[in-house]
């Protein structure tokens, strides 16, 4: 019987960026990312992506408001991260949330003071993604993830959900490590 016939939402309909089971998403993450090295490389890549995005935003803001000081730019750039942080606030563990807030503050400051040139920020986005892809060739340890297949089908919704929550998931790894063997 399909999800439509049972009155239950389909797996794709359940997949949301506004409300997730963070512990379950974290356990799913550990299925392919249980090795320390891959998490380090992914964290570097995610920070690279975010810094590039903050640099692009800074270029746009500075072009529109050339009189802004770096401190005003920092506050404005951090303000652009507030909706993302609000989504995280309701979904992630406290430690990962606090580190995400700190990350947004530091990325805002760095982009305000030392931004990448616009062209380099745009050009580096695929390079950061490629680093993540290559890390899966270097770190090949995987666990059975079949229990997550129905709830997290591949597609655009999963990609967006992971884009929103990847930084706090990685930060949780460095706070708690691989907790799957302890549960």
Protein backbone atom coordinates (compact mmCIF):
# COMPACT_ATOMS: atom_id res chain seq x y z
CA UNK A 1 0.00 0.00 0.00
CA UNK A 2 1.45 3.39 -0.95
CA UNK A 3 1.84 6.33 1.41
CA UNK A 4 -0.96 8.10 -0.48
CA UNK A 5 -3.41 5.30 0.28
CA UNK A 6 -2.54 5.04 3.98
CA UNK A 7 -2.98 8.72 4.71
CA UNK A 8 0.70 8.92 5.64
CA UNK A 9 2.90 11.49 3.92
CA UNK A 10 5.41 10.10 1.46
CA UNK A 11 9.09 10.03 2.39
CA UNK A 12 9.70 12.95 0.06
CA UNK A 13 6.90 14.95 1.66
CA UNK A 14 8.38 14.28 5.12
CA UNK A 15 11.80 15.53 4.06
CA UNK A 16 11.84 19.17 5.12
CA UNK A 17 14.40 21.85 5.84
CA UNK A 18 12.24 23.47 8.51
CA UNK A 19 11.87 20.44 10.77
CA UNK A 20 14.23 17.49 10.96
CA UNK A 21 15.14 14.76 13.41
CA UNK A 22 18.72 15.95 13.93
CA UNK A 23 19.87 12.79 15.69
CA UNK A 24 18.58 10.64 12.82
CA UNK A 25 20.15 12.91 10.20
CA UNK A 26 23.40 12.79 12.17
CA UNK A 27 23.32 8.98 12.26
CA UNK A 28 22.70 9.00 8.50
CA UNK A 29 25.74 11.27 8.11
CA UNK A 30 27.89 8.77 10.01
CA UNK A 31 26.97 6.10 7.47
CA UNK A 32 29.35 7.66 4.96
CA UNK A 33 31.36 9.99 7.18
CA UNK A 34 32.54 8.01 10.19
CA UNK A 35 36.24 8.62 9.54
CA UNK A 36 37.90 11.68 11.08
CA UNK A 37 39.73 12.71 7.89
CA UNK A 38 36.64 12.93 5.71
CA UNK A 39 34.94 15.12 8.31
CA UNK A 40 37.96 17.45 8.41
CA UNK A 41 37.96 17.78 4.62
CA UNK A 42 34.20 18.30 4.52
CA UNK A 43 34.41 20.96 7.23
CA UNK A 44 37.12 22.80 5.27
CA UNK A 45 35.01 22.56 2.10
CA UNK A 46 31.83 23.75 3.83
CA UNK A 47 33.64 26.70 5.38
CA UNK A 48 35.09 27.42 1.92
CA UNK A 49 31.62 27.40 0.36
CA UNK A 50 30.21 29.62 3.11
CA UNK A 51 33.14 32.06 2.90
CA UNK A 52 32.67 32.25 -0.87
CA UNK A 53 28.94 32.92 -0.43
CA UNK A 54 29.61 35.56 2.24
CA UNK A 55 32.21 37.16 -0.06
CA UNK A 56 29.71 37.31 -2.94
CA UNK A 57 27.12 38.86 -0.61
CA UNK A 58 29.72 41.35 0.62
CA UNK A 59 30.54 42.33 -2.97
CA UNK A 60 26.86 42.94 -3.70
CA UNK A 61 26.30 44.94 -0.50
CA UNK A 62 29.51 46.97 -0.93
CA UNK A 63 28.53 47.79 -4.52
CA UNK A 64 25.07 48.93 -3.41
CA UNK A 65 26.29 50.78 -0.29
CA UNK A 66 29.93 51.81 -0.87
CA UNK A 67 29.98 54.05 2.20
CA UNK A 68 29.50 51.13 4.65
CA UNK A 69 32.32 50.45 7.10
CA UNK A 70 33.67 46.95 7.66
CA UNK A 71 31.87 46.78 11.02
CA UNK A 72 28.55 47.69 9.36
CA UNK A 73 29.24 45.13 6.65
CA UNK A 74 29.94 42.50 9.32
CA UNK A 75 26.63 43.16 11.06
CA UNK A 76 24.72 43.15 7.78
CA UNK A 77 26.37 39.93 6.60
CA UNK A 78 25.61 38.27 9.92
CA UNK A 79 22.03 39.48 9.57
CA UNK A 80 21.79 37.60 6.29
CA UNK A 81 22.62 34.40 8.23
CA UNK A 82 19.88 34.93 10.84
CA UNK A 83 17.11 33.06 8.93
CA UNK A 84 19.44 30.06 8.54
CA UNK A 85 20.33 30.22 12.24
CA UNK A 86 16.63 30.42 13.13
CA UNK A 87 16.00 27.16 11.27
CA UNK A 88 18.95 25.58 13.07
CA UNK A 89 17.73 26.83 16.45
CA UNK A 90 14.67 24.58 16.30
CA UNK A 91 16.44 21.53 14.89
CA UNK A 92 20.01 21.02 16.10
CA UNK A 93 21.71 20.30 19.38
CA UNK A 94 22.80 23.28 21.50
CA UNK A 95 26.55 22.79 21.02
CA UNK A 96 26.24 22.56 17.24
CA UNK A 97 23.96 25.62 17.23
CA UNK A 98 26.39 27.71 19.29
CA UNK A 99 29.29 26.73 17.03
CA UNK A 100 27.16 27.55 13.97
CA UNK A 101 26.43 31.01 15.41
CA UNK A 102 30.14 31.52 16.11
CA UNK A 103 30.94 30.33 12.58
CA UNK A 104 28.45 32.82 11.09
CA UNK A 105 29.98 35.65 13.15
CA UNK A 106 33.54 34.77 12.12
CA UNK A 107 32.60 34.24 8.46
CA UNK A 108 30.77 37.59 8.44
CA UNK A 109 33.79 39.32 9.93
CA UNK A 110 36.25 37.61 7.59
CA UNK A 111 34.16 38.40 4.50
CA UNK A 112 33.72 42.02 5.59
CA UNK A 113 37.44 42.55 6.22
CA UNK A 114 39.17 40.12 3.80
CA UNK A 115 36.66 39.13 1.13
CA UNK A 116 37.55 37.02 -1.84
CA UNK A 117 37.30 38.95 -5.09
CA UNK A 118 33.87 38.34 -6.63
CA UNK A 119 35.23 36.31 -9.55
CA UNK A 120 37.31 34.10 -7.25
CA UNK A 121 34.42 33.55 -4.84
CA UNK A 122 32.24 32.34 -7.72
CA UNK A 123 35.01 30.25 -9.29
CA UNK A 124 35.92 28.58 -5.99
CA UNK A 125 32.41 27.22 -5.29
CA UNK A 126 32.77 24.20 -7.62
CA UNK A 127 36.30 23.62 -6.30
CA UNK A 128 35.03 23.31 -2.72
CA UNK A 129 32.35 20.89 -3.90
CA UNK A 130 34.98 18.88 -5.77
CA UNK A 131 37.03 18.59 -2.57
CA UNK A 132 34.04 16.96 -0.90
CA UNK A 133 33.59 14.57 -3.82
CA UNK A 134 37.28 13.61 -3.85
CA UNK A 135 37.29 12.97 -0.12
CA UNK A 136 34.86 10.09 -0.71
CA UNK A 137 37.51 8.45 -2.90
CA UNK A 138 40.16 8.86 -0.21
CA UNK A 139 37.97 7.76 2.70
CA UNK A 140 35.95 4.77 1.59
CA UNK A 141 34.63 3.31 4.85
CA UNK A 142 30.83 3.11 4.69
CA UNK A 143 28.13 1.57 6.83
CA UNK A 144 24.81 0.08 5.84
CA UNK A 145 22.50 3.02 5.21
CA UNK A 146 19.48 1.05 3.98
CA UNK A 147 17.37 2.09 6.97
CA UNK A 148 17.61 5.69 5.78
CA UNK A 149 16.75 5.05 2.11
CA UNK A 150 12.97 5.48 2.43
CA UNK A 151 13.10 8.57 4.64
CA UNK A 152 15.84 10.34 2.70
CA UNK A 153 15.34 9.65 -1.01
CA UNK A 154 17.94 11.13 -3.34
CA UNK A 155 16.90 14.31 -5.06
CA UNK A 156 16.66 18.07 -4.74
CA UNK A 157 14.97 18.05 -1.32
CA UNK A 158 17.74 15.94 0.18
CA UNK A 159 20.42 18.16 -1.37
CA UNK A 160 18.77 21.30 0.04
CA UNK A 161 18.24 19.73 3.46
CA UNK A 162 21.90 18.68 3.59
CA UNK A 163 23.05 22.13 2.43
CA UNK A 164 21.16 23.73 5.31
CA UNK A 165 22.28 21.28 7.98
CA UNK A 166 25.74 20.12 6.84
CA UNK A 167 27.72 22.59 8.93
CA UNK A 168 25.97 21.77 12.24
CA UNK A 169 26.17 18.06 11.42
CA UNK A 170 29.93 18.35 10.92
CA UNK A 171 30.31 20.48 14.05
CA UNK A 172 28.34 17.86 16.00
CA UNK A 173 30.83 15.25 14.79
CA UNK A 174 33.70 17.24 16.29
CA UNK A 175 31.76 17.79 19.51
CA UNK A 176 30.48 14.24 20.01
CA UNK A 177 32.33 12.03 17.56
CA UNK A 178 30.85 8.78 16.33
CA UNK A 179 28.18 8.04 18.93
CA UNK A 180 26.52 5.26 16.95
CA UNK A 181 28.31 2.53 18.87
CA UNK A 182 27.18 4.02 22.21
CA UNK A 183 23.45 4.07 21.51
